[in-house]
């Protein structure tokens, strides 16, 4: 998967494409269904497959106190990379993008730049200024511009929609198994190990301090965890997700004690 950062980096001779658009926060089972369809459709029609996502997410642009993400961008990209998608187009969501009409978004980006032949969206997808663009709008415009549009109904489990919002709520309630069922995988967080104050080591419980690169997290507290990347097999441990005061305010930190692991 190639990452294209910004519309300015799109080539003028971009090939005809199959496109899907969304936040894909968490890359849950509903997202996975759409991604698999885009992948198969592009292969069957010999077209380029493109996922469009926004940074920051529109909700983050419009709301200062918006909910925490399930996945930051790098985590999302790693999940998306598991699919045979050709391009991940990252569009900066700013005032200009927020004020762009649905017609201009469609004509300038999807038609003129990406040469869209098939557009695959979720049933709750809206775009353009004041969220005017929706499936009904795209159906009308598809006849004018000669592309096909498909809307996927939200995947349901136990008669409830699978959504990032629902997963976020389950995580906050400590319902890890239920969240994993909707995600299609156990919830994970990635970060960089940083040097700590060695307070745990002095007490006989050394911890790895992982900087999460987040302002918010969907869960706080103490959890049983599995750590990947240090050995061939995952290492069990116990982790605390919380904040630590710093010169720049409170920093989110994941502190992990690994069982039966004594390497530096």
C-alpha atoms as a PDB file:
ATOM      1  CA  UNK A   1       0.000   0.000   0.000  1.00  0.00           C
ATOM      2  CA  UNK A   2       1.330   3.383  -1.020  1.00  0.00           C
ATOM      3  CA  UNK A   3       0.605   6.397   1.188  1.00  0.00           C
ATOM      4  CA  UNK A   4      -0.228   9.588  -0.734  1.00  0.00           C
ATOM      5  CA  UNK A   5      -0.109  12.560   1.622  1.00  0.00           C
ATOM      6  CA  UNK A   6      -2.193  15.405   0.251  1.00  0.00           C
ATOM      7  CA  UNK A   7      -3.995  16.068  -3.015  1.00  0.00           C
ATOM      8  CA  UNK A   8      -0.936  17.874  -4.368  1.00  0.00           C
ATOM      9  CA  UNK A   9       0.889  14.540  -4.577  1.00  0.00           C
ATOM     10  CA  UNK A  10      -1.652  12.874  -6.853  1.00  0.00           C
ATOM     11  CA  UNK A  11      -0.235  12.214 -10.311  1.00  0.00           C
ATOM     12  CA  UNK A  12      -1.994  13.833 -13.245  1.00  0.00           C
ATOM     13  CA  UNK A  13      -2.202  10.478 -15.038  1.00  0.00           C
ATOM     14  CA  UNK A  14      -3.770   8.599 -12.099  1.00  0.00           C
ATOM     15  CA  UNK A  15      -5.438   5.417 -13.431  1.00  0.00           C
ATOM     16  CA  UNK A  16      -9.152   4.620 -13.252  1.00  0.00           C
ATOM     17  CA  UNK A  17     -10.033   3.540  -9.740  1.00  0.00           C
ATOM     18  CA  UNK A  18     -12.292   1.946  -7.168  1.00  0.00           C
ATOM     19  CA  UNK A  19     -12.579   4.310  -4.196  1.00  0.00           C
ATOM     20  CA  UNK A  20     -13.868   4.128  -0.642  1.00  0.00           C
ATOM     21  CA  UNK A  21     -13.907   7.007   1.846  1.00  0.00           C
ATOM     22  CA  UNK A  22     -14.057   7.110   5.639  1.00  0.00           C
ATOM     23  CA  UNK A  23     -12.299   7.517   8.966  1.00  0.00           C
ATOM     24  CA  UNK A  24     -11.808   3.753   9.393  1.00  0.00           C
ATOM     25  CA  UNK A  25     -11.189   4.331  13.099  1.00  0.00           C
ATOM     26  CA  UNK A  26     -10.344   0.954  14.600  1.00  0.00           C
ATOM     27  CA  UNK A  27     -10.637  -0.791  11.201  1.00  0.00           C
ATOM     28  CA  UNK A  28     -13.436  -2.904  12.693  1.00  0.00           C
ATOM     29  CA  UNK A  29     -15.398  -5.732  11.069  1.00  0.00           C
ATOM     30  CA  UNK A  30     -17.733  -3.336   9.270  1.00  0.00           C
ATOM     31  CA  UNK A  31     -14.741  -1.560   7.739  1.00  0.00           C
ATOM     32  CA  UNK A  32     -13.156  -4.905   6.885  1.00  0.00           C
ATOM     33  CA  UNK A  33     -16.222  -5.918   4.873  1.00  0.00           C
ATOM     34  CA  UNK A  34     -15.950  -2.753   2.758  1.00  0.00           C
ATOM     35  CA  UNK A  35     -12.181  -3.097   2.302  1.00  0.00           C
ATOM     36  CA  UNK A  36     -12.510  -6.703   1.138  1.00  0.00           C
ATOM     37  CA  UNK A  37     -15.166  -5.674  -1.384  1.00  0.00           C
ATOM     38  CA  UNK A  38     -13.001  -2.834  -2.744  1.00  0.00           C
ATOM     39  CA  UNK A  39     -10.047  -5.200  -2.991  1.00  0.00           C
ATOM     40  CA  UNK A  40     -12.002  -7.845  -4.925  1.00  0.00           C
ATOM     41  CA  UNK A  41     -13.797  -5.314  -7.144  1.00  0.00           C
ATOM     42  CA  UNK A  42     -10.543  -3.625  -8.160  1.00  0.00           C
ATOM     43  CA  UNK A  43      -8.946  -6.958  -9.009  1.00  0.00           C
ATOM     44  CA  UNK A  44     -11.967  -8.132 -11.012  1.00  0.00           C
ATOM     45  CA  UNK A  45     -12.227  -4.868 -12.987  1.00  0.00           C
ATOM     46  CA  UNK A  46      -8.455  -4.301 -13.290  1.00  0.00           C
ATOM     47  CA  UNK A  47      -8.681  -0.918 -11.566  1.00  0.00           C
ATOM     48  CA  UNK A  48      -6.617   0.925  -8.973  1.00  0.00           C
ATOM     49  CA  UNK A  49      -7.954   0.566  -5.403  1.00  0.00           C
ATOM     50  CA  UNK A  50      -7.933   3.682  -3.225  1.00  0.00           C
ATOM     51  CA  UNK A  51      -8.870   4.357   0.401  1.00  0.00           C
ATOM     52  CA  UNK A  52      -9.406   8.043   1.246  1.00  0.00           C
ATOM     53  CA  UNK A  53      -9.141   9.122   4.862  1.00  0.00           C
ATOM     54  CA  UNK A  54      -8.808  12.486   6.577  1.00  0.00           C
ATOM     55  CA  UNK A  55      -6.282  13.948   9.014  1.00  0.00           C
ATOM     56  CA  UNK A  56      -7.392  15.228  11.392  1.00  0.00           C
ATOM     57  CA  UNK A  57     -10.667  13.345  11.392  1.00  0.00           C
ATOM     58  CA  UNK A  58     -13.549  15.761  10.642  1.00  0.00           C
ATOM     59  CA  UNK A  59     -14.996  15.313  14.134  1.00  0.00           C
ATOM     60  CA  UNK A  60     -11.647  16.368  15.603  1.00  0.00           C
ATOM     61  CA  UNK A  61     -11.659  19.495  13.436  1.00  0.00           C
ATOM     62  CA  UNK A  62     -15.169  20.571  14.430  1.00  0.00           C
ATOM     63  CA  UNK A  63     -15.148  19.512  18.107  1.00  0.00           C
ATOM     64  CA  UNK A  64     -12.416  20.427  20.536  1.00  0.00           C
ATOM     65  CA  UNK A  65     -13.621  17.850  23.073  1.00  0.00           C
ATOM     66  CA  UNK A  66     -14.204  14.962  20.664  1.00  0.00           C
ATOM     67  CA  UNK A  67     -14.033  11.267  21.645  1.00  0.00           C
ATOM     68  CA  UNK A  68     -10.670   9.511  21.712  1.00  0.00           C
ATOM     69  CA  UNK A  69      -9.599   7.625  18.617  1.00  0.00           C
ATOM     70  CA  UNK A  70      -9.431   3.859  18.668  1.00  0.00           C
ATOM     71  CA  UNK A  71      -6.384   3.988  16.399  1.00  0.00           C
ATOM     72  CA  UNK A  72      -3.955   6.787  15.707  1.00  0.00           C
ATOM     73  CA  UNK A  73      -2.872   7.162  12.075  1.00  0.00           C
ATOM     74  CA  UNK A  74       0.108   4.795  12.136  1.00  0.00           C
ATOM     75  CA  UNK A  75      -1.958   2.047  13.780  1.00  0.00           C
ATOM     76  CA  UNK A  76      -4.730   2.565  11.221  1.00  0.00           C
ATOM     77  CA  UNK A  77      -2.255   2.403   8.339  1.00  0.00           C
ATOM     78  CA  UNK A  78      -0.822  -0.870   9.679  1.00  0.00           C
ATOM     79  CA  UNK A  79      -4.309  -2.408   9.823  1.00  0.00           C
ATOM     80  CA  UNK A  80      -5.215  -1.160   6.344  1.00  0.00           C
ATOM     81  CA  UNK A  81      -1.933  -2.519   4.969  1.00  0.00           C
ATOM     82  CA  UNK A  82      -3.182  -6.050   5.600  1.00  0.00           C
ATOM     83  CA  UNK A  83      -5.465  -5.627   2.573  1.00  0.00           C
ATOM     84  CA  UNK A  84      -4.441  -5.549  -1.083  1.00  0.00           C
ATOM     85  CA  UNK A  85      -5.292  -1.870  -1.420  1.00  0.00           C
ATOM     86  CA  UNK A  86      -3.040   0.079  -3.780  1.00  0.00           C
ATOM     87  CA  UNK A  87      -3.214   3.582  -2.308  1.00  0.00           C
ATOM     88  CA  UNK A  88      -4.073   5.268   0.974  1.00  0.00           C
ATOM     89  CA  UNK A  89      -4.836   8.911   0.163  1.00  0.00           C
ATOM     90  CA  UNK A  90      -4.540  11.084   3.273  1.00  0.00           C
ATOM     91  CA  UNK A  91      -6.434  14.362   2.818  1.00  0.00           C
ATOM     92  CA  UNK A  92      -5.781  17.205   5.233  1.00  0.00           C
ATOM     93  CA  UNK A  93      -9.096  18.259   6.777  1.00  0.00           C
ATOM     94  CA  UNK A  94      -8.912  22.018   7.246  1.00  0.00           C
ATOM     95  CA  UNK A  95     -11.169  25.042   6.799  1.00  0.00           C
ATOM     96  CA  UNK A  96     -10.920  24.834   3.020  1.00  0.00           C
ATOM     97  CA  UNK A  97     -11.944  21.174   3.016  1.00  0.00           C
ATOM     98  CA  UNK A  98     -14.747  21.829   5.519  1.00  0.00           C
ATOM     99  CA  UNK A  99     -16.171  24.537   3.224  1.00  0.00           C
ATOM    100  CA  UNK A 100     -15.823  22.520   0.016  1.00  0.00           C
ATOM    101  CA  UNK A 101     -19.186  21.761  -1.552  1.00  0.00           C
ATOM    102  CA  UNK A 102     -20.231  18.187  -2.227  1.00  0.00           C
ATOM    103  CA  UNK A 103     -20.238  18.936  -5.950  1.00  0.00           C
ATOM    104  CA  UNK A 104     -16.667  20.293  -5.910  1.00  0.00           C
ATOM    105  CA  UNK A 105     -15.439  17.353  -3.814  1.00  0.00           C
ATOM    106  CA  UNK A 106     -16.957  14.945  -6.303  1.00  0.00           C
ATOM    107  CA  UNK A 107     -15.915  16.762  -9.483  1.00  0.00           C
ATOM    108  CA  UNK A 108     -12.424  17.867  -8.493  1.00  0.00           C
ATOM    109  CA  UNK A 109     -11.201  14.943  -6.397  1.00  0.00           C
ATOM    110  CA  UNK A 110     -13.150  11.838  -7.349  1.00  0.00           C
ATOM    111  CA  UNK A 111     -13.817  12.511 -11.035  1.00  0.00           C
ATOM    112  CA  UNK A 112     -10.966  14.723 -12.266  1.00  0.00           C
ATOM    113  CA  UNK A 113      -8.096  13.519 -10.060  1.00  0.00           C
ATOM    114  CA  UNK A 114      -8.928   9.883  -9.225  1.00  0.00           C
ATOM    115  CA  UNK A 115     -10.994   8.975 -12.311  1.00  0.00           C
ATOM    116  CA  UNK A 116     -13.376   7.006 -10.116  1.00  0.00           C
ATOM    117  CA  UNK A 117     -15.272   4.163 -11.801  1.00  0.00           C
ATOM    118  CA  UNK A 118     -16.722   2.583  -8.646  1.00  0.00           C
ATOM    119  CA  UNK A 119     -17.376   4.313  -5.329  1.00  0.00           C
ATOM    120  CA  UNK A 120     -18.052   2.147  -2.260  1.00  0.00           C
ATOM    121  CA  UNK A 121     -19.412   3.820   0.896  1.00  0.00           C
ATOM    122  CA  UNK A 122     -21.039   2.993   4.214  1.00  0.00           C
ATOM    123  CA  UNK A 123     -24.735   3.695   4.693  1.00  0.00           C
ATOM    124  CA  UNK A 124     -24.031   6.610   7.055  1.00  0.00           C
ATOM    125  CA  UNK A 125     -21.514   8.351   4.777  1.00  0.00           C
ATOM    126  CA  UNK A 126     -21.885  12.110   4.213  1.00  0.00           C
ATOM    127  CA  UNK A 127     -19.511  14.582   2.610  1.00  0.00           C
ATOM    128  CA  UNK A 128     -19.212  18.165   1.471  1.00  0.00           C
ATOM    129  CA  UNK A 129     -20.144  21.406   3.188  1.00  0.00           C
ATOM    130  CA  UNK A 130     -22.946  20.878   5.728  1.00  0.00           C
ATOM    131  CA  UNK A 131     -22.778  17.123   4.949  1.00  0.00           C
ATOM    132  CA  UNK A 132     -25.050  17.590   1.936  1.00  0.00           C
ATOM    133  CA  UNK A 133     -23.496  14.753  -0.055  1.00  0.00           C
ATOM    134  CA  UNK A 134     -24.975  11.305   0.629  1.00  0.00           C
ATOM    135  CA  UNK A 135     -25.857   8.101  -1.210  1.00  0.00           C
ATOM    136  CA  UNK A 136     -28.949   9.590  -2.889  1.00  0.00           C
ATOM    137  CA  UNK A 137     -26.860  12.519  -4.134  1.00  0.00           C
ATOM    138  CA  UNK A 138     -24.145  10.191  -5.429  1.00  0.00           C
ATOM    139  CA  UNK A 139     -26.706   8.026  -7.237  1.00  0.00           C
ATOM    140  CA  UNK A 140     -27.956  11.085  -9.120  1.00  0.00           C
ATOM    141  CA  UNK A 141     -24.447  12.290  -9.952  1.00  0.00           C
ATOM    142  CA  UNK A 142     -23.273   8.824 -11.007  1.00  0.00           C
ATOM    143  CA  UNK A 143     -25.574   9.013 -14.026  1.00  0.00           C
ATOM    144  CA  UNK A 144     -24.105  12.379 -14.990  1.00  0.00           C
ATOM    145  CA  UNK A 145     -20.456  11.354 -14.635  1.00  0.00           C
ATOM    146  CA  UNK A 146     -20.647   7.682 -15.547  1.00  0.00           C
ATOM    147  CA  UNK A 147     -19.509   5.879 -12.404  1.00  0.00           C
ATOM    148  CA  UNK A 148     -21.177   3.312 -10.163  1.00  0.00           C
ATOM    149  CA  UNK A 149     -21.839   3.772  -6.460  1.00  0.00           C
ATOM    150  CA  UNK A 150     -22.547   1.098  -3.847  1.00  0.00           C
ATOM    151  CA  UNK A 151     -23.739   1.652  -0.285  1.00  0.00           C
ATOM    152  CA  UNK A 152     -23.000  -1.016   2.323  1.00  0.00           C
ATOM    153  CA  UNK A 153     -25.468  -1.464   5.149  1.00  0.00           C
ATOM    154  CA  UNK A 154     -23.771  -1.429   8.540  1.00  0.00           C
ATOM    155  CA  UNK A 155     -22.762  -4.864   9.746  1.00  0.00           C
ATOM    156  CA  UNK A 156     -24.762  -5.900  12.807  1.00  0.00           C
ATOM    157  CA  UNK A 157     -23.917  -8.178  15.693  1.00  0.00           C
ATOM    158  CA  UNK A 158     -26.551  -9.126  18.266  1.00  0.00           C
ATOM    159  CA  UNK A 159     -28.970  -6.769  16.438  1.00  0.00           C
ATOM    160  CA  UNK A 160     -26.718  -3.734  16.985  1.00  0.00           C
ATOM    161  CA  UNK A 161     -24.612  -1.836  14.471  1.00  0.00           C
ATOM    162  CA  UNK A 162     -20.884  -2.399  14.611  1.00  0.00           C
ATOM    163  CA  UNK A 163     -19.421   1.077  14.968  1.00  0.00           C
ATOM    164  CA  UNK A 164     -16.360   2.822  16.354  1.00  0.00           C
ATOM    165  CA  UNK A 165     -18.622   4.589  18.859  1.00  0.00           C
ATOM    166  CA  UNK A 166     -19.970   1.298  20.206  1.00  0.00           C
ATOM    167  CA  UNK A 167     -16.468  -0.199  20.465  1.00  0.00           C
ATOM    168  CA  UNK A 168     -15.225   2.897  22.283  1.00  0.00           C
ATOM    169  CA  UNK A 169     -18.039   2.522  24.823  1.00  0.00           C
ATOM    170  CA  UNK A 170     -17.277  -1.166  25.390  1.00  0.00           C
ATOM    171  CA  UNK A 171     -13.592  -0.401  25.989  1.00  0.00           C
ATOM    172  CA  UNK A 172     -14.472   2.321  28.485  1.00  0.00           C
ATOM    173  CA  UNK A 173     -16.658  -0.213  30.334  1.00  0.00           C
ATOM    174  CA  UNK A 174     -13.864  -2.795  30.405  1.00  0.00           C
ATOM    175  CA  UNK A 175     -15.738  -5.156  28.061  1.00  0.00           C
ATOM    176  CA  UNK A 176     -12.591  -6.227  26.222  1.00  0.00           C
ATOM    177  CA  UNK A 177     -13.962  -9.498  24.793  1.00  0.00           C
ATOM    178  CA  UNK A 178     -17.077  -7.782  23.450  1.00  0.00           C
ATOM    179  CA  UNK A 179     -14.949  -5.042  21.874  1.00  0.00           C
ATOM    180  CA  UNK A 180     -12.669  -7.655  20.288  1.00  0.00           C
ATOM    181  CA  UNK A 181     -15.702  -9.398  18.798  1.00  0.00           C
ATOM    182  CA  UNK A 182     -16.688  -6.189  16.995  1.00  0.00           C
ATOM    183  CA  UNK A 183     -13.137  -5.331  15.992  1.00  0.00           C
ATOM    184  CA  UNK A 184     -12.360  -8.790  14.689  1.00  0.00           C
ATOM    185  CA  UNK A 185      -9.165  -8.780  16.751  1.00  0.00           C
ATOM    186  CA  UNK A 186      -8.015  -7.940  20.258  1.00  0.00           C
ATOM    187  CA  UNK A 187      -7.693  -4.219  20.932  1.00  0.00           C
ATOM    188  CA  UNK A 188      -4.084  -3.060  20.790  1.00  0.00           C
ATOM    189  CA  UNK A 189      -2.078   0.114  21.343  1.00  0.00           C
ATOM    190  CA  UNK A 190       1.320   0.868  19.861  1.00  0.00           C
ATOM    191  CA  UNK A 191       4.018   3.189  21.088  1.00  0.00           C
ATOM    192  CA  UNK A 192       7.704   3.815  21.674  1.00  0.00           C
ATOM    193  CA  UNK A 193       9.491   2.646  24.827  1.00  0.00           C
ATOM    194  CA  UNK A 194      11.058   5.606  26.644  1.00  0.00           C
ATOM    195  CA  UNK A 195      13.390   5.942  29.625  1.00  0.00           C
ATOM    196  CA  UNK A 196      11.520   6.215  32.923  1.00  0.00           C
ATOM    197  CA  UNK A 197      12.403   7.075  36.516  1.00  0.00           C
ATOM    198  CA  UNK A 198      13.000   3.394  37.410  1.00  0.00           C
ATOM    199  CA  UNK A 199      10.664   3.634  40.398  1.00  0.00           C
ATOM    200  CA  UNK A 200       9.159   0.232  39.622  1.00  0.00           C
ATOM    201  CA  UNK A 201      12.600  -1.365  39.182  1.00  0.00           C
ATOM    202  CA  UNK A 202      13.690  -0.106  42.609  1.00  0.00           C
ATOM    203  CA  UNK A 203      10.616  -1.793  44.092  1.00  0.00           C
ATOM    204  CA  UNK A 204      11.349  -5.067  42.309  1.00  0.00           C
ATOM    205  CA  UNK A 205       8.764  -4.584  39.554  1.00  0.00           C
ATOM    206  CA  UNK A 206      10.556  -3.118  36.521  1.00  0.00           C
ATOM    207  CA  UNK A 207       8.266  -1.574  33.929  1.00  0.00           C
ATOM    208  CA  UNK A 208       8.563  -0.592  30.289  1.00  0.00           C
ATOM    209  CA  UNK A 209       7.288   2.947  29.780  1.00  0.00           C
ATOM    210  CA  UNK A 210       5.570   3.289  26.416  1.00  0.00           C
ATOM    211  CA  UNK A 211       4.809   6.741  25.046  1.00  0.00           C
ATOM    212  CA  UNK A 212       1.490   6.441  23.189  1.00  0.00           C
ATOM    213  CA  UNK A 213       1.662   9.586  21.010  1.00  0.00           C
ATOM    214  CA  UNK A 214      -1.908  10.409  22.030  1.00  0.00           C
ATOM    215  CA  UNK A 215      -3.753  13.254  23.697  1.00  0.00           C
ATOM    216  CA  UNK A 216      -6.645  10.955  24.591  1.00  0.00           C
ATOM    217  CA  UNK A 217      -7.158   7.241  24.962  1.00  0.00           C
ATOM    218  CA  UNK A 218     -10.394   5.219  24.844  1.00  0.00           C
ATOM    219  CA  UNK A 219      -9.452   3.363  28.021  1.00  0.00           C
ATOM    220  CA  UNK A 220      -7.643   3.984  31.304  1.00  0.00           C
ATOM    221  CA  UNK A 221      -6.750   1.646  34.144  1.00  0.00           C
ATOM    222  CA  UNK A 222      -4.969  -1.651  34.778  1.00  0.00           C
ATOM    223  CA  UNK A 223      -5.132  -4.543  32.306  1.00  0.00           C
ATOM    224  CA  UNK A 224      -3.679  -7.986  31.666  1.00  0.00           C
ATOM    225  CA  UNK A 225      -1.776  -7.707  28.379  1.00  0.00           C
ATOM    226  CA  UNK A 226       0.306  -9.551  25.795  1.00  0.00           C
ATOM    227  CA  UNK A 227       3.374  -7.768  24.417  1.00  0.00           C
ATOM    228  CA  UNK A 228       4.552  -8.479  20.878  1.00  0.00           C
ATOM    229  CA  UNK A 229       7.855  -7.592  19.253  1.00  0.00           C
ATOM    230  CA  UNK A 230      10.377  -8.427  21.991  1.00  0.00           C
ATOM    231  CA  UNK A 231      10.557 -12.174  21.413  1.00  0.00           C
ATOM    232  CA  UNK A 232       9.163 -14.668  18.928  1.00  0.00           C
ATOM    233  CA  UNK A 233       6.282 -15.393  21.287  1.00  0.00           C
ATOM    234  CA  UNK A 234       4.061 -12.795  22.927  1.00  0.00           C
ATOM    235  CA  UNK A 235       5.040 -12.046  26.535  1.00  0.00           C
ATOM    236  CA  UNK A 236       2.316 -11.809  29.205  1.00  0.00           C
ATOM    237  CA  UNK A 237       2.295  -8.902  31.589  1.00  0.00           C
ATOM    238  CA  UNK A 238       0.250  -6.323  33.440  1.00  0.00           C
ATOM    239  CA  UNK A 239      -0.171  -2.745  32.251  1.00  0.00           C
ATOM    240  CA  UNK A 240      -1.397   0.562  33.559  1.00  0.00           C
ATOM    241  CA  UNK A 241      -2.692   3.178  31.136  1.00  0.00           C
ATOM    242  CA  UNK A 242      -2.738   6.614  32.705  1.00  0.00           C
ATOM    243  CA  UNK A 243      -1.268  10.092  32.755  1.00  0.00           C
ATOM    244  CA  UNK A 244       1.987  11.456  34.103  1.00  0.00           C
ATOM    245  CA  UNK A 245       2.570  15.160  34.849  1.00  0.00           C
ATOM    246  CA  UNK A 246       5.225  16.748  32.604  1.00  0.00           C
ATOM    247  CA  UNK A 247       6.465  20.233  31.824  1.00  0.00           C
ATOM    248  CA  UNK A 248       3.972  20.381  28.939  1.00  0.00           C
ATOM    249  CA  UNK A 249       1.008  19.073  30.946  1.00  0.00           C
ATOM    250  CA  UNK A 250      -0.143  15.502  31.460  1.00  0.00           C
ATOM    251  CA  UNK A 251       1.355  12.855  29.159  1.00  0.00           C
ATOM    252  CA  UNK A 252      -0.473   9.614  28.390  1.00  0.00           C
ATOM    253  CA  UNK A 253       1.707   6.656  29.228  1.00  0.00           C
ATOM    254  CA  UNK A 254       1.417   2.886  29.062  1.00  0.00           C
ATOM    255  CA  UNK A 255       3.477   1.288  31.849  1.00  0.00           C
ATOM    256  CA  UNK A 256       3.979  -2.453  31.416  1.00  0.00           C
ATOM    257  CA  UNK A 257       5.465  -5.019  33.798  1.00  0.00           C
ATOM    258  CA  UNK A 258       6.495  -8.177  31.940  1.00  0.00           C
ATOM    259  CA  UNK A 259       6.290 -11.489  33.772  1.00  0.00           C
ATOM    260  CA  UNK A 260       9.534 -13.523  33.835  1.00  0.00           C
ATOM    261  CA  UNK A 261      11.408 -11.038  31.652  1.00  0.00           C
ATOM    262  CA  UNK A 262      14.620  -9.436  32.921  1.00  0.00           C
ATOM    263  CA  UNK A 263      16.280  -7.971  29.821  1.00  0.00           C
ATOM    264  CA  UNK A 264      17.157  -4.281  29.704  1.00  0.00           C
END
